[in-house]
Amino acid sequence: MDQFTPIARFTVPWGQQEIELQEVSFDSGGVPLLRVRIREGRRFTIFDIDAATAHSWGAAMQGWATPQLSARPAVPGEN
């Protein structure tokens, strides 16, 4: 049976999308993947990505978010 390990779960303040991150280890072997699940109402979007893609995606998001956060006041519920 494949194993799913929770990493993080949060809700986007605008739009109320639920985002869940999990590590997925497959019984068939191979490298573990990062599962990104985005729930919008009853619709789900799911990405299974490798570590290199997750690293690039995370770096791009941090590169954008860092100047945005220092340029405006914090939003309630943001971490």
PDB file of N, CA and C in Angstrom:
ATOM      1  N   MET A   1       0.847  -1.179   0.000  1.00  0.00           N
ATOM      2  CA  MET A   1       0.000   0.000   0.000  1.00  0.00           C
ATOM      3  C   MET A   1       0.898   1.250   0.000  1.00  0.00           C
ATOM      4  N   ASP A   2       0.593   2.205  -0.864  1.00  0.00           N
ATOM      5  CA  ASP A   2       1.338   3.456  -0.899  1.00  0.00           C
ATOM      6  C   ASP A   2       1.175   4.186   0.433  1.00  0.00           C
ATOM      7  N   GLN A   3       2.209   4.954   0.806  1.00  0.00           N
ATOM      8  CA  GLN A   3       2.157   5.683   2.079  1.00  0.00           C
ATOM      9  C   GLN A   3       2.126   7.180   1.814  1.00  0.00           C
ATOM     10  N   PHE A   4       1.285   7.885   2.570  1.00  0.00           N
ATOM     11  CA  PHE A   4       1.128   9.330   2.465  1.00  0.00           C
ATOM     12  C   PHE A   4       1.467   9.938   3.817  1.00  0.00           C
ATOM     13  N   THR A   5       2.464  10.827   3.847  1.00  0.00           N
ATOM     14  CA  THR A   5       2.880  11.472   5.081  1.00  0.00           C
ATOM     15  C   THR A   5       2.526  12.957   5.006  1.00  0.00           C
ATOM     16  N   PRO A   6       1.644  13.438   5.881  1.00  0.00           N
ATOM     17  CA  PRO A   6       1.270  14.857   5.851  1.00  0.00           C
ATOM     18  C   PRO A   6       2.481  15.755   6.130  1.00  0.00           C
ATOM     19  N   ILE A   7       2.561  16.863   5.391  1.00  0.00           N
ATOM     20  CA  ILE A   7       3.628  17.852   5.590  1.00  0.00           C
ATOM     21  C   ILE A   7       3.031  19.173   6.070  1.00  0.00           C
ATOM     22  N   ALA A   8       2.025  19.663   5.357  1.00  0.00           N
ATOM     23  CA  ALA A   8       1.399  20.948   5.723  1.00  0.00           C
ATOM     24  C   ALA A   8      -0.002  21.004   5.134  1.00  0.00           C
ATOM     25  N   ARG A   9      -0.829  21.821   5.788  1.00  0.00           N
ATOM     26  CA  ARG A   9      -2.192  22.055   5.297  1.00  0.00           C
ATOM     27  C   ARG A   9      -2.574  23.474   5.682  1.00  0.00           C
ATOM     28  N   PHE A  10      -3.102  24.216   4.720  1.00  0.00           N
ATOM     29  CA  PHE A  10      -3.530  25.582   5.010  1.00  0.00           C
ATOM     30  C   PHE A  10      -4.603  26.009   4.028  1.00  0.00           C
ATOM     31  N   THR A  11      -5.276  27.105   4.370  1.00  0.00           N
ATOM     32  CA  THR A  11      -6.346  27.653   3.538  1.00  0.00           C
ATOM     33  C   THR A  11      -5.928  29.030   3.046  1.00  0.00           C
ATOM     34  N   VAL A  12      -6.131  29.271   1.760  1.00  0.00           N
ATOM     35  CA  VAL A  12      -5.815  30.565   1.159  1.00  0.00           C
ATOM     36  C   VAL A  12      -6.859  31.571   1.656  1.00  0.00           C
ATOM     37  N   PRO A  13      -6.425  32.732   2.204  1.00  0.00           N
ATOM     38  CA  PRO A  13      -7.397  33.682   2.751  1.00  0.00           C
ATOM     39  C   PRO A  13      -8.392  34.201   1.710  1.00  0.00           C
ATOM     40  N   TRP A  14      -7.940  34.424   0.492  1.00  0.00           N
ATOM     41  CA  TRP A  14      -8.827  34.889  -0.570  1.00  0.00           C
ATOM     42  C   TRP A  14      -9.141  33.700  -1.450  1.00  0.00           C
ATOM     43  N   GLY A  15     -10.404  33.358  -1.583  1.00  0.00           N
ATOM     44  CA  GLY A  15     -10.809  32.238  -2.408  1.00  0.00           C
ATOM     45  C   GLY A  15     -11.082  30.971  -1.625  1.00  0.00           C
ATOM     46  N   GLN A  16     -10.525  30.878  -0.415  1.00  0.00           N
ATOM     47  CA  GLN A  16     -10.759  29.751   0.489  1.00  0.00           C
ATOM     48  C   GLN A  16     -10.328  28.393  -0.078  1.00  0.00           C
ATOM     49  N   GLN A  17      -9.374  28.379  -1.016  1.00  0.00           N
ATOM     50  CA  GLN A  17      -8.836  27.098  -1.483  1.00  0.00           C
ATOM     51  C   GLN A  17      -8.070  26.438  -0.346  1.00  0.00           C
ATOM     52  N   GLU A  18      -8.214  25.124  -0.230  1.00  0.00           N
ATOM     53  CA  GLU A  18      -7.481  24.359   0.769  1.00  0.00           C
ATOM     54  C   GLU A  18      -6.285  23.717   0.076  1.00  0.00           C
ATOM     55  N   ILE A  19      -5.100  23.933   0.628  1.00  0.00           N
ATOM     56  CA  ILE A  19      -3.878  23.374   0.055  1.00  0.00           C
ATOM     57  C   ILE A  19      -3.289  22.391   1.052  1.00  0.00           C
ATOM     58  N   GLU A  20      -2.973  21.206   0.551  1.00  0.00           N
ATOM     59  CA  GLU A  20      -2.394  20.161   1.384  1.00  0.00           C
ATOM     60  C   GLU A  20      -1.138  19.633   0.704  1.00  0.00           C
ATOM     61  N   LEU A  21      -0.066  19.500   1.482  1.00  0.00           N
ATOM     62  CA  LEU A  21       1.184  18.931   0.992  1.00  0.00           C
ATOM     63  C   LEU A  21       1.426  17.606   1.698  1.00  0.00           C
ATOM     64  N   GLN A  22       1.789  16.583   0.917  1.00  0.00           N
ATOM     65  CA  GLN A  22       2.060  15.255   1.466  1.00  0.00           C
ATOM     66  C   GLN A  22       3.282  14.674   0.770  1.00  0.00           C
ATOM     67  N   GLU A  23       4.040  13.859   1.505  1.00  0.00           N
ATOM     68  CA  GLU A  23       5.066  13.045   0.862  1.00  0.00           C
ATOM     69  C   GLU A  23       4.421  11.717   0.494  1.00  0.00           C
ATOM     70  N   VAL A  24       4.637  11.275  -0.751  1.00  0.00           N
ATOM     71  CA  VAL A  24       4.064  10.024  -1.228  1.00  0.00           C
ATOM     72  C   VAL A  24       5.196   9.050  -1.488  1.00  0.00           C
ATOM     73  N   SER A  25       5.134   7.893  -0.831  1.00  0.00           N
ATOM     74  CA  SER A  25       6.075   6.799  -1.064  1.00  0.00           C
ATOM     75  C   SER A  25       5.284   5.646  -1.657  1.00  0.00           C
ATOM     76  N   PHE A  26       5.697   5.201  -2.834  1.00  0.00           N
ATOM     77  CA  PHE A  26       4.969   4.161  -3.547  1.00  0.00           C
ATOM     78  C   PHE A  26       5.523   2.781  -3.220  1.00  0.00           C
ATOM     79  N   ASP A  27       4.629   1.817  -3.043  1.00  0.00           N
ATOM     80  CA  ASP A  27       5.032   0.439  -2.783  1.00  0.00           C
ATOM     81  C   ASP A  27       5.878  -0.120  -3.920  1.00  0.00           C
ATOM     82  N   SER A  28       5.629   0.347  -5.124  1.00  0.00           N
ATOM     83  CA  SER A  28       6.360  -0.164  -6.282  1.00  0.00           C
ATOM     84  C   SER A  28       7.799   0.331  -6.308  1.00  0.00           C
ATOM     85  N   GLY A  29       8.149   1.226  -5.385  1.00  0.00           N
ATOM     86  CA  GLY A  29       9.513   1.742  -5.306  1.00  0.00           C
ATOM     87  C   GLY A  29       9.649   3.094  -5.982  1.00  0.00           C
ATOM     88  N   GLY A  30      10.897   3.461  -6.225  1.00  0.00           N
ATOM     89  CA  GLY A  30      11.169   4.770  -6.811  1.00  0.00           C
ATOM     90  C   GLY A  30      11.335   5.824  -5.745  1.00  0.00           C
ATOM     91  N   VAL A  31      11.560   7.024  -6.201  1.00  0.00           N
ATOM     92  CA  VAL A  31      11.784   8.127  -5.269  1.00  0.00           C
ATOM     93  C   VAL A  31      10.463   8.630  -4.704  1.00  0.00           C
ATOM     94  N   PRO A  32      10.455   9.113  -3.467  1.00  0.00           N
ATOM     95  CA  PRO A  32       9.239   9.726  -2.935  1.00  0.00           C
ATOM     96  C   PRO A  32       8.944  11.019  -3.696  1.00  0.00           C
ATOM     97  N   LEU A  33       7.683  11.351  -3.781  1.00  0.00           N
ATOM     98  CA  LEU A  33       7.251  12.564  -4.462  1.00  0.00           C
ATOM     99  C   LEU A  33       6.506  13.469  -3.493  1.00  0.00           C
ATOM    100  N   LEU A  34       6.439  14.742  -3.826  1.00  0.00           N
ATOM    101  CA  LEU A  34       5.641  15.701  -3.073  1.00  0.00           C
ATOM    102  C   LEU A  34       4.297  15.814  -3.767  1.00  0.00           C
ATOM    103  N   ARG A  35       3.232  15.522  -3.026  1.00  0.00           N
ATOM    104  CA  ARG A  35       1.879  15.668  -3.575  1.00  0.00           C
ATOM    105  C   ARG A  35       1.327  17.009  -3.108  1.00  0.00           C
ATOM    106  N   VAL A  36       0.907  17.823  -4.064  1.00  0.00           N
ATOM    107  CA  VAL A  36       0.263  19.101  -3.802  1.00  0.00           C
ATOM    108  C   VAL A  36      -1.200  18.936  -4.187  1.00  0.00           C
ATOM    109  N   ARG A  37      -2.084  19.042  -3.197  1.00  0.00           N
ATOM    110  CA  ARG A  37      -3.526  18.921  -3.441  1.00  0.00           C
ATOM    111  C   ARG A  37      -4.171  20.267  -3.183  1.00  0.00           C
ATOM    112  N   ILE A  38      -4.871  20.763  -4.169  1.00  0.00           N
ATOM    113  CA  ILE A  38      -5.583  22.032  -4.043  1.00  0.00           C
ATOM    114  C   ILE A  38      -7.071  21.745  -4.206  1.00  0.00           C
ATOM    115  N   ARG A  39      -7.833  22.080  -3.177  1.00  0.00           N
ATOM    116  CA  ARG A  39      -9.277  21.866  -3.214  1.00  0.00           C
ATOM    117  C   ARG A  39      -9.976  23.207  -3.369  1.00  0.00           C
ATOM    118  N   GLU A  40     -10.828  23.275  -4.387  1.00  0.00           N
ATOM    119  CA  GLU A  40     -11.658  24.462  -4.625  1.00  0.00           C
ATOM    120  C   GLU A  40     -13.097  23.979  -4.672  1.00  0.00           C
ATOM    121  N   GLY A  41     -13.793  24.112  -3.545  1.00  0.00           N
ATOM    122  CA  GLY A  41     -15.152  23.569  -3.462  1.00  0.00           C
ATOM    123  C   GLY A  41     -15.095  22.057  -3.550  1.00  0.00           C
ATOM    124  N   ARG A  42     -15.723  21.483  -4.580  1.00  0.00           N
ATOM    125  CA  ARG A  42     -15.700  20.026  -4.753  1.00  0.00           C
ATOM    126  C   ARG A  42     -14.635  19.591  -5.765  1.00  0.00           C
ATOM    127  N   ARG A  43     -13.927  20.534  -6.338  1.00  0.00           N
ATOM    128  CA  ARG A  43     -12.921  20.227  -7.363  1.00  0.00           C
ATOM    129  C   ARG A  43     -11.537  20.100  -6.731  1.00  0.00           C
ATOM    130  N   PHE A  44     -10.774  19.092  -7.139  1.00  0.00           N
ATOM    131  CA  PHE A  44      -9.405  18.880  -6.675  1.00  0.00           C
ATOM    132  C   PHE A  44      -8.449  18.992  -7.845  1.00  0.00           C
ATOM    133  N   THR A  45      -7.315  19.641  -7.611  1.00  0.00           N
ATOM    134  CA  THR A  45      -6.182  19.625  -8.538  1.00  0.00           C
ATOM    135  C   THR A  45      -5.035  18.990  -7.776  1.00  0.00           C
ATOM    136  N   ILE A  46      -4.405  17.980  -8.370  1.00  0.00           N
ATOM    137  CA  ILE A  46      -3.344  17.244  -7.690  1.00  0.00           C
ATOM    138  C   ILE A  46      -2.107  17.190  -8.573  1.00  0.00           C
ATOM    139  N   PHE A  47      -0.964  17.568  -7.986  1.00  0.00           N
ATOM    140  CA  PHE A  47       0.332  17.469  -8.646  1.00  0.00           C
ATOM    141  C   PHE A  47       1.199  16.526  -7.822  1.00  0.00           C
ATOM    142  N   ASP A  48       1.875  15.597  -8.457  1.00  0.00           N
ATOM    143  CA  ASP A  48       2.920  14.799  -7.821  1.00  0.00           C
ATOM    144  C   ASP A  48       4.232  15.233  -8.455  1.00  0.00           C
ATOM    145  N   ILE A  49       5.112  15.853  -7.655  1.00  0.00           N
ATOM    146  CA  ILE A  49       6.338  16.415  -8.223  1.00  0.00           C
ATOM    147  C   ILE A  49       7.570  15.873  -7.506  1.00  0.00           C
ATOM    148  N   ASP A  50       8.670  15.840  -8.247  1.00  0.00           N
ATOM    149  CA  ASP A  50       9.943  15.354  -7.719  1.00  0.00           C
ATOM    150  C   ASP A  50      10.619  16.458  -6.898  1.00  0.00           C
ATOM    151  N   ALA A  51      11.685  16.093  -6.205  1.00  0.00           N
ATOM    152  CA  ALA A  51      12.377  17.035  -5.310  1.00  0.00           C
ATOM    153  C   ALA A  51      12.959  18.230  -6.063  1.00  0.00           C
ATOM    154  N   ALA A  52      13.530  18.006  -7.240  1.00  0.00           N
ATOM    155  CA  ALA A  52      14.129  19.117  -7.997  1.00  0.00           C
ATOM    156  C   ALA A  52      13.062  20.132  -8.423  1.00  0.00           C
ATOM    157  N   THR A  53      11.919  19.631  -8.870  1.00  0.00           N
ATOM    158  CA  THR A  53      10.821  20.526  -9.261  1.00  0.00           C
ATOM    159  C   THR A  53      10.279  21.267  -8.040  1.00  0.00           C
ATOM    160  N   ALA A  54      10.117  20.560  -6.917  1.00  0.00           N
ATOM    161  CA  ALA A  54       9.635  21.195  -5.689  1.00  0.00           C
ATOM    162  C   ALA A  54      10.601  22.299  -5.248  1.00  0.00           C
ATOM    163  N   HIS A  55      11.882  22.031  -5.359  1.00  0.00           N
ATOM    164  CA  HIS A  55      12.888  23.023  -4.971  1.00  0.00           C
ATOM    165  C   HIS A  55      12.791  24.266  -5.853  1.00  0.00           C
ATOM    166  N   SER A  56      12.698  24.082  -7.165  1.00  0.00           N
ATOM    167  CA  SER A  56      12.576  25.213  -8.088  1.00  0.00           C
ATOM    168  C   SER A  56      11.293  25.997  -7.846  1.00  0.00           C
ATOM    169  N   TRP A  57      10.192  25.283  -7.644  1.00  0.00           N
ATOM    170  CA  TRP A  57       8.897  25.913  -7.413  1.00  0.00           C
ATOM    171  C   TRP A  57       8.935  26.713  -6.118  1.00  0.00           C
ATOM    172  N   GLY A  58       9.468  26.100  -5.059  1.00  0.00           N
ATOM    173  CA  GLY A  58       9.566  26.785  -3.769  1.00  0.00           C
ATOM    174  C   GLY A  58      10.451  28.021  -3.826  1.00  0.00           C
ATOM    175  N   ALA A  59      11.579  27.919  -4.519  1.00  0.00           N
ATOM    176  CA  ALA A  59      12.486  29.070  -4.640  1.00  0.00           C
ATOM    177  C   ALA A  59      11.821  30.208  -5.405  1.00  0.00           C
ATOM    178  N   ALA A  60      11.090  29.867  -6.461  1.00  0.00           N
ATOM    179  CA  ALA A  60      10.387  30.901  -7.236  1.00  0.00           C
ATOM    180  C   ALA A  60       9.308  31.577  -6.388  1.00  0.00           C
ATOM    181  N   MET A  61       8.583  30.792  -5.592  1.00  0.00           N
ATOM    182  CA  MET A  61       7.531  31.354  -4.742  1.00  0.00           C
ATOM    183  C   MET A  61       8.131  32.246  -3.657  1.00  0.00           C
ATOM    184  N   GLN A  62       9.232  31.800  -3.042  1.00  0.00           N
ATOM    185  CA  GLN A  62       9.884  32.626  -2.025  1.00  0.00           C
ATOM    186  C   GLN A  62      10.447  33.902  -2.636  1.00  0.00           C
ATOM    187  N   GLY A  63      11.009  33.790  -3.839  1.00  0.00           N
ATOM    188  CA  GLY A  63      11.543  34.970  -4.515  1.00  0.00           C
ATOM    189  C   GLY A  63      10.480  36.025  -4.764  1.00  0.00           C
ATOM    190  N   TRP A  64       9.278  35.572  -5.055  1.00  0.00           N
ATOM    191  CA  TRP A  64       8.180  36.510  -5.252  1.00  0.00           C
ATOM    192  C   TRP A  64       7.635  37.016  -3.918  1.00  0.00           C
ATOM    193  N   ALA A  65       7.451  36.118  -2.950  1.00  0.00           N
ATOM    194  CA  ALA A  65       6.776  36.470  -1.695  1.00  0.00           C
ATOM    195  C   ALA A  65       7.595  37.382  -0.797  1.00  0.00           C
ATOM    196  N   THR A  66       8.900  37.197  -0.752  1.00  0.00           N
ATOM    197  CA  THR A  66       9.732  37.971   0.179  1.00  0.00           C
ATOM    198  C   THR A  66       9.576  39.477  -0.010  1.00  0.00           C
ATOM    199  N   PRO A  67       9.741  40.026  -1.213  1.00  0.00           N
ATOM    200  CA  PRO A  67       9.557  41.477  -1.350  1.00  0.00           C
ATOM    201  C   PRO A  67       8.103  41.910  -1.150  1.00  0.00           C
ATOM    202  N   GLN A  68       7.138  41.027  -1.482  1.00  0.00           N
ATOM    203  CA  GLN A  68       5.728  41.371  -1.276  1.00  0.00           C
ATOM    204  C   GLN A  68       5.418  41.539   0.206  1.00  0.00           C
ATOM    205  N   LEU A  69       5.940  40.632   1.026  1.00  0.00           N
ATOM    206  CA  LEU A  69       5.662  40.682   2.463  1.00  0.00           C
ATOM    207  C   LEU A  69       6.324  41.883   3.133  1.00  0.00           C
ATOM    208  N   SER A  70       7.495  42.278   2.651  1.00  0.00           N
ATOM    209  CA  SER A  70       8.154  43.425   3.277  1.00  0.00           C
ATOM    210  C   SER A  70       7.598  44.753   2.770  1.00  0.00           C
ATOM    211  N   ALA A  71       6.782  44.716   1.722  1.00  0.00           N
ATOM    212  CA  ALA A  71       6.242  45.951   1.158  1.00  0.00           C
ATOM    213  C   ALA A  71       4.859  46.305   1.683  1.00  0.00           C
ATOM    214  N   ARG A  72       4.249  45.417   2.483  1.00  0.00           N
ATOM    215  CA  ARG A  72       2.882  45.696   2.966  1.00  0.00           C
ATOM    216  C   ARG A  72       2.687  45.098   4.358  1.00  0.00           C
ATOM    217  N   PRO A  73       1.652  45.555   5.050  1.00  0.00           N
ATOM    218  CA  PRO A  73       1.356  44.997   6.368  1.00  0.00           C
ATOM    219  C   PRO A  73       0.935  43.540   6.267  1.00  0.00           C
ATOM    220  N   ALA A  74       1.113  42.801   7.328  1.00  0.00           N
ATOM    221  CA  ALA A  74       0.734  41.385   7.368  1.00  0.00           C
ATOM    222  C   ALA A  74      -0.776  41.238   7.282  1.00  0.00           C
ATOM    223  N   VAL A  75      -1.209  40.149   6.680  1.00  0.00           N
ATOM    224  CA  VAL A  75      -2.624  39.827   6.554  1.00  0.00           C
ATOM    225  C   VAL A  75      -2.973  38.845   7.668  1.00  0.00           C
ATOM    226  N   PRO A  76      -4.090  39.056   8.369  1.00  0.00           N
ATOM    227  CA  PRO A  76      -4.469  38.116   9.420  1.00  0.00           C
ATOM    228  C   PRO A  76      -4.520  36.690   8.881  1.00  0.00           C
ATOM    229  N   GLY A  77      -3.951  35.761   9.636  1.00  0.00           N
ATOM    230  CA  GLY A  77      -3.943  34.358   9.246  1.00  0.00           C
ATOM    231  C   GLY A  77      -2.725  33.947   8.451  1.00  0.00           C
ATOM    232  N   GLU A  78      -1.901  34.911   7.994  1.00  0.00           N
ATOM    233  CA  GLU A  78      -0.679  34.565   7.265  1.00  0.00           C
ATOM    234  C   GLU A  78       0.394  34.127   8.243  1.00  0.00           C
ATOM    235  N   ASN A  79       1.218  33.202   7.792  1.00  0.00           N
ATOM    236  CA  ASN A  79       2.351  32.756   8.608  1.00  0.00           C
ATOM    237  C   ASN A  79       3.631  33.310   8.063  1.00  0.00           C
TER     238      ASN A  79
END
